[in-house]
Each structure stands twice: as C-alpha cells, then as structure tokens.
Amino acid sequence: MKDDYEIEEKKEAAADVLYQYSKFVMACIGNQVRPCDLRLHLMKEISGLPTTLKRDTSPAGASPDAMGESSSSGTARLDKADSFRAL
C-alpha cells in the first residue's frame, strides 16, 4: 500500500516537471529565443540585474549545431509581464 502511494507520488512529480518544462518551451517559442537565453534572462530578472533578451533569427529547421552559434541579431527589452506571457 505504501509502495503504491510512493509510485503515484513519483508519477505526479514527473508529470509536474513535464508540465513546467512544456510551459518554459512555449515561452521560448512565443518569444522566439533560445532556452539558454531565456534562462539567463529570467535569472538576471529575478536578481534585479539589467537584462536584454536577444531573439533567435535562425530558420525554424536549423540543426542543433547552428542553434549553438550566436546567430541572434535583434534585441528586445522584455518586462516581467512579457517574460511570462506564454506561461
């Protein structure tokens, strides 16, 4: 009985993590930024440091290698409401 409860608890925790990650991915897509850039932007925003978020201008079918390069050219200043708009 206790094992069943622990298994269900782990399933719920895994579902919560997937849900949170999917919200993060949707925010990346909605703001057209790479995940690493959005994470850095959010950490700076939380700590009160000035931040700008560079939008990703690479084509949608880009390979993972191309995504690692600095291909962003435009910058956009986002406030807290914009950062979490897609969340």
C-alpha atoms as a PDB file:
ATOM      1  CA  MET A   1       0.000   0.000   0.000  1.00  0.00           C
ATOM      2  CA  LYS A   2       2.801   2.394   0.917  1.00  0.00           C
ATOM      3  CA  ASP A   3       4.676   1.449  -2.267  1.00  0.00           C
ATOM      4  CA  ASP A   4       1.625   2.287  -4.388  1.00  0.00           C
ATOM      5  CA  TYR A   5       1.438   5.725  -2.777  1.00  0.00           C
ATOM      6  CA  GLU A   6       5.150   6.367  -3.427  1.00  0.00           C
ATOM      7  CA  ILE A   7       4.792   5.271  -7.059  1.00  0.00           C
ATOM      8  CA  GLU A   8       1.809   7.585  -7.569  1.00  0.00           C
ATOM      9  CA  GLU A   9       3.710  10.411  -5.892  1.00  0.00           C
ATOM     10  CA  LYS A  10       6.650   9.910  -8.267  1.00  0.00           C
ATOM     11  CA  LYS A  11       4.306   9.841 -11.266  1.00  0.00           C
ATOM     12  CA  GLU A  12       2.710  13.109 -10.176  1.00  0.00           C
ATOM     13  CA  ALA A  13       6.117  14.716  -9.637  1.00  0.00           C
ATOM     14  CA  ALA A  14       7.245  13.600 -13.111  1.00  0.00           C
ATOM     15  CA  ALA A  15       4.032  14.953 -14.659  1.00  0.00           C
ATOM     16  CA  ASP A  16       4.544  18.278 -12.857  1.00  0.00           C
ATOM     17  CA  VAL A  17       8.107  18.550 -14.174  1.00  0.00           C
ATOM     18  CA  LEU A  18       6.982  17.824 -17.744  1.00  0.00           C
ATOM     19  CA  TYR A  19       4.201  20.387 -17.447  1.00  0.00           C
ATOM     20  CA  GLN A  20       6.573  23.084 -16.144  1.00  0.00           C
ATOM     21  CA  TYR A  21       9.092  22.300 -18.888  1.00  0.00           C
ATOM     22  CA  SER A  22       6.426  22.484 -21.581  1.00  0.00           C
ATOM     23  CA  LYS A  23       5.393  25.939 -20.301  1.00  0.00           C
ATOM     24  CA  PHE A  24       9.039  27.025 -20.478  1.00  0.00           C
ATOM     25  CA  VAL A  25       9.369  25.689 -24.043  1.00  0.00           C
ATOM     26  CA  MET A  26       6.203  27.509 -25.080  1.00  0.00           C
ATOM     27  CA  ALA A  27       7.622  30.733 -23.617  1.00  0.00           C
ATOM     28  CA  CYS A  28      10.803  30.200 -25.665  1.00  0.00           C
ATOM     29  CA  ILE A  29       8.790  29.633 -28.825  1.00  0.00           C
ATOM     30  CA  GLY A  30       6.463  32.564 -28.125  1.00  0.00           C
ATOM     31  CA  ASN A  31       9.364  34.950 -27.508  1.00  0.00           C
ATOM     32  CA  GLN A  32      11.485  33.427 -30.312  1.00  0.00           C
ATOM     33  CA  VAL A  33      14.523  32.882 -28.084  1.00  0.00           C
ATOM     34  CA  ARG A  34      16.835  30.010 -27.288  1.00  0.00           C
ATOM     35  CA  PRO A  35      16.192  28.242 -23.955  1.00  0.00           C
ATOM     36  CA  CYS A  36      19.639  29.185 -22.610  1.00  0.00           C
ATOM     37  CA  ASP A  37      18.979  32.868 -23.357  1.00  0.00           C
ATOM     38  CA  LEU A  38      15.586  32.804 -21.631  1.00  0.00           C
ATOM     39  CA  ARG A  39      17.044  31.066 -18.547  1.00  0.00           C
ATOM     40  CA  LEU A  40      19.776  33.698 -18.272  1.00  0.00           C
ATOM     41  CA  HIS A  41      17.248  36.495 -18.794  1.00  0.00           C
ATOM     42  CA  LEU A  42      14.981  35.120 -16.051  1.00  0.00           C
ATOM     43  CA  MET A  43      17.863  34.640 -13.597  1.00  0.00           C
ATOM     44  CA  LYS A  44      19.019  38.226 -14.171  1.00  0.00           C
ATOM     45  CA  GLU A  45      15.454  39.491 -13.842  1.00  0.00           C
ATOM     46  CA  ILE A  46      14.945  37.676 -10.534  1.00  0.00           C
ATOM     47  CA  SER A  47      18.223  39.004  -9.141  1.00  0.00           C
ATOM     48  CA  GLY A  48      17.426  42.561 -10.217  1.00  0.00           C
ATOM     49  CA  LEU A  49      20.194  42.888 -12.812  1.00  0.00           C
ATOM     50  CA  PRO A  50      19.502  44.742 -16.059  1.00  0.00           C
ATOM     51  CA  THR A  51      18.756  42.337 -18.882  1.00  0.00           C
ATOM     52  CA  THR A  52      18.006  42.261 -22.565  1.00  0.00           C
ATOM     53  CA  LEU A  53      16.783  39.257 -24.455  1.00  0.00           C
ATOM     54  CA  LYS A  54      18.113  38.549 -27.942  1.00  0.00           C
ATOM     55  CA  ARG A  55      15.599  36.995 -30.280  1.00  0.00           C
ATOM     56  CA  ASP A  56      16.660  33.970 -32.297  1.00  0.00           C
ATOM     57  CA  THR A  57      16.614  34.744 -36.019  1.00  0.00           C
ATOM     58  CA  SER A  58      17.753  31.346 -37.277  1.00  0.00           C
ATOM     59  CA  PRO A  59      15.434  29.362 -39.567  1.00  0.00           C
ATOM     60  CA  ALA A  60      12.934  27.003 -37.936  1.00  0.00           C
ATOM     61  CA  GLY A  61      14.601  23.891 -39.387  1.00  0.00           C
ATOM     62  CA  ALA A  62      18.073  24.747 -38.087  1.00  0.00           C
ATOM     63  CA  SER A  63      20.295  21.943 -36.903  1.00  0.00           C
ATOM     64  CA  PRO A  64      21.307  21.747 -33.236  1.00  0.00           C
ATOM     65  CA  ASP A  65      24.839  22.816 -34.221  1.00  0.00           C
ATOM     66  CA  ALA A  66      23.550  26.015 -35.778  1.00  0.00           C
ATOM     67  CA  MET A  67      21.485  26.768 -32.687  1.00  0.00           C
ATOM     68  CA  GLY A  68      24.639  26.772 -30.563  1.00  0.00           C
ATOM     69  CA  GLU A  69      26.180  29.584 -32.596  1.00  0.00           C
ATOM     70  CA  SER A  70      25.458  33.208 -31.909  1.00  0.00           C
ATOM     71  CA  SER A  71      23.014  33.890 -34.719  1.00  0.00           C
ATOM     72  CA  SER A  72      20.800  36.372 -32.912  1.00  0.00           C
ATOM     73  CA  SER A  73      20.878  39.863 -34.328  1.00  0.00           C
ATOM     74  CA  GLY A  74      17.919  41.784 -32.881  1.00  0.00           C
ATOM     75  CA  THR A  75      17.456  42.666 -29.255  1.00  0.00           C
ATOM     76  CA  ALA A  76      14.245  43.267 -27.400  1.00  0.00           C
ATOM     77  CA  ARG A  77      13.698  44.539 -23.884  1.00  0.00           C
ATOM     78  CA  LEU A  78      11.092  42.458 -22.070  1.00  0.00           C
ATOM     79  CA  ASP A  79       9.447  43.312 -18.811  1.00  0.00           C
ATOM     80  CA  LYS A  80       8.181  40.691 -16.351  1.00  0.00           C
ATOM     81  CA  ALA A  81       4.734  40.541 -17.948  1.00  0.00           C
ATOM     82  CA  ASP A  82       6.219  39.808 -21.377  1.00  0.00           C
ATOM     83  CA  SER A  83       8.580  37.167 -19.991  1.00  0.00           C
ATOM     84  CA  PHE A  84       5.739  35.108 -18.631  1.00  0.00           C
ATOM     85  CA  ARG A  85       3.131  35.917 -21.282  1.00  0.00           C
ATOM     86  CA  ALA A  86       3.298  32.427 -22.783  1.00  0.00           C
ATOM     87  CA  LEU A  87       3.296  30.797 -19.354  1.00  0.00           C
END
